[in-house]
Structure formats: C-alpha cells, structure tokens
Amino acid sequence: MPNLFSYGTLQKEQVQIETFGRLLQGEKNVLTGYKLEMLEITDPEVLRKSNQKYHPILVFSGNIEDEVEGILFNVSDEEILQADEYEVDDYKRIETTFKSGKSGFIYVRK
C-alpha cells in the first residue's frame, strides 16, 4: 500500500470521509527540505469539503533545516487517485523520502 503525506486539510475527518469514504490510518512524520505557503482555493467542491479558503502548499526549499510536520497515511492505489481529484490544479503529486526513512507521496506547488 502506498503512503500519502498530509500537512493540511486531508487530516480533517470530514475531508477524509467525503474523499475516501473512511477515516485514514497513519503516523506522524516529518518532511525536510520543504516549507509551507498558503494557496487561495477557488474550487467550490474543495471549499465545501474543507470549509477553508486558504490551504497550505509545499514548496521545495532545499534547506535541510526547513521541516514540515504531518501525517503519513496508508492508502490504496485507488485512494491516491481520489486524493488527486481532491487536490486542485495548483498541486502536483511526487514521491519522496521522509525523515523516518519511509517513502510516500506529497503534493507540492506546480
């Protein structure tokens, strides 16, 4: 099963239930070399699910002192595609390795 790192609205129970039909299981993890910026969301469905106008977005900094804490969720291949549908076009999904040594997918600024 793939791993999906959440540092924002995918941690919300409401978003998980509406996006995946279940609550996700995961553990805390840290991503190094990235920082968070805020992105204004205009997609009405994402706004409805998250109830948030501004969402965090990962931006690569390359500085190992920059760290983003989040949850590394265990998801299915189908759920990765469902997460792709939830994220707006400003995000792209890439795979990386976390501070724990585990690998997984993250959504970063395009």
Protein backbone atom coordinates (compact mmCIF):
# COMPACT_ATOMS: atom_id res chain seq x y z
CA MET A 1 0.00 0.00 0.00
CA PRO A 2 1.29 3.46 -0.84
CA ASN A 3 1.80 6.21 1.73
CA LEU A 4 0.33 9.70 1.41
CA PHE A 5 1.69 12.61 3.46
CA SER A 6 -0.82 15.15 4.72
CA TYR A 7 0.20 18.51 6.14
CA GLY A 8 -3.18 20.21 5.72
CA THR A 9 -6.84 19.58 5.04
CA LEU A 10 -6.51 15.85 4.30
CA GLN A 11 -6.04 15.47 8.07
CA LYS A 12 -9.63 16.67 8.62
CA GLU A 13 -12.10 13.86 9.32
CA GLN A 14 -14.79 15.48 7.16
CA VAL A 15 -12.43 15.71 4.17
CA GLN A 16 -11.31 12.09 4.62
CA ILE A 17 -14.85 10.73 4.82
CA GLU A 18 -16.02 12.72 1.79
CA THR A 19 -12.90 11.98 -0.26
CA PHE A 20 -12.15 8.36 0.68
CA GLY A 21 -15.33 7.14 2.39
CA ARG A 22 -13.40 6.30 5.56
CA LEU A 23 -11.04 7.69 8.19
CA LEU A 24 -7.40 7.13 7.27
CA GLN A 25 -4.82 5.48 9.50
CA GLY A 26 -1.33 6.91 9.73
CA GLU A 27 1.51 8.13 11.88
CA LYS A 28 3.28 11.42 12.42
CA ASN A 29 6.26 12.09 10.20
CA VAL A 30 8.48 14.97 9.10
CA LEU A 31 9.42 16.17 5.62
CA THR A 32 12.74 18.03 5.33
CA GLY A 33 13.79 20.50 2.65
CA TYR A 34 10.33 22.00 2.21
CA LYS A 35 8.37 24.91 3.63
CA LEU A 36 4.66 25.75 3.60
CA GLU A 37 2.99 28.62 1.80
CA MET A 38 -0.72 29.39 1.62
CA LEU A 39 -2.80 28.99 -1.53
CA GLU A 40 -6.22 30.55 -2.10
CA ILE A 41 -8.73 27.87 -3.12
CA THR A 42 -11.47 28.75 -5.60
CA ASP A 43 -12.80 25.25 -6.43
CA PRO A 44 -16.32 25.19 -4.88
CA GLU A 45 -16.25 21.45 -4.07
CA VAL A 46 -12.89 21.68 -2.28
CA LEU A 47 -14.09 24.78 -0.41
CA ARG A 48 -17.24 22.90 0.67
CA LYS A 49 -15.35 19.81 1.85
CA SER A 50 -12.57 21.65 3.68
CA ASN A 51 -14.51 24.71 4.83
CA GLN A 52 -11.23 26.61 4.32
CA LYS A 53 -10.47 29.32 1.75
CA TYR A 54 -6.69 29.06 2.14
CA HIS A 55 -4.85 25.73 2.07
CA PRO A 56 -1.18 25.08 2.81
CA ILE A 57 1.01 24.03 -0.10
CA LEU A 58 4.52 22.56 -0.02
CA VAL A 59 7.32 24.48 -1.72
CA PHE A 60 10.78 22.94 -2.12
CA SER A 61 13.45 24.97 -0.35
CA GLY A 62 16.38 22.53 -0.43
CA ASN A 63 17.31 23.66 3.10
CA ILE A 64 17.54 20.64 5.43
CA GLU A 65 16.66 22.90 8.35
CA ASP A 66 13.21 23.51 6.81
CA GLU A 67 10.80 20.89 8.13
CA VAL A 68 7.09 20.26 7.71
CA GLU A 69 5.27 18.04 10.19
CA GLY A 70 2.34 15.95 9.09
CA ILE A 71 0.79 12.52 8.99
CA LEU A 72 1.91 9.72 6.68
CA PHE A 73 -1.30 7.85 5.85
CA ASN A 74 -1.58 4.30 4.50
CA VAL A 75 -3.83 4.44 1.44
CA SER A 76 -4.77 2.24 -1.50
CA ASP A 77 -3.85 2.93 -5.13
CA GLU A 78 -7.49 3.92 -5.71
CA GLU A 79 -7.35 6.36 -2.78
CA ILE A 80 -4.26 8.03 -4.27
CA LEU A 81 -6.36 8.77 -7.36
CA GLN A 82 -9.19 10.06 -5.15
CA ALA A 83 -6.70 12.39 -3.44
CA ASP A 84 -5.57 13.58 -6.89
CA GLU A 85 -9.20 14.51 -7.63
CA TYR A 86 -9.49 16.43 -4.34
CA GLU A 87 -6.35 18.50 -4.85
CA VAL A 88 -6.74 21.50 -7.16
CA ASP A 89 -4.61 22.05 -10.28
CA ASP A 90 -2.04 24.16 -8.41
CA TYR A 91 -0.77 20.95 -6.74
CA LYS A 92 1.20 18.10 -8.26
CA ARG A 93 1.94 14.74 -6.65
CA ILE A 94 5.51 13.48 -6.35
CA GLU A 95 7.17 10.71 -4.35
CA THR A 96 9.83 11.42 -1.74
CA THR A 97 11.53 10.05 1.39
CA PHE A 98 10.75 11.32 4.89
CA LYS A 99 12.89 11.89 7.96
CA SER A 100 11.85 8.41 9.22
CA GLY A 101 13.28 6.81 6.07
CA LYS A 102 9.83 5.82 4.80
CA SER A 103 8.74 6.89 1.34
CA GLY A 104 5.43 8.27 0.19
CA PHE A 105 3.60 10.77 -1.96
CA ILE A 106 3.39 14.51 -1.29
CA TYR A 107 1.52 17.31 -3.03
CA VAL A 108 3.72 20.29 -3.94
CA ARG A 109 3.22 23.57 -5.81
CA LYS A 110 3.29 23.03 -9.58
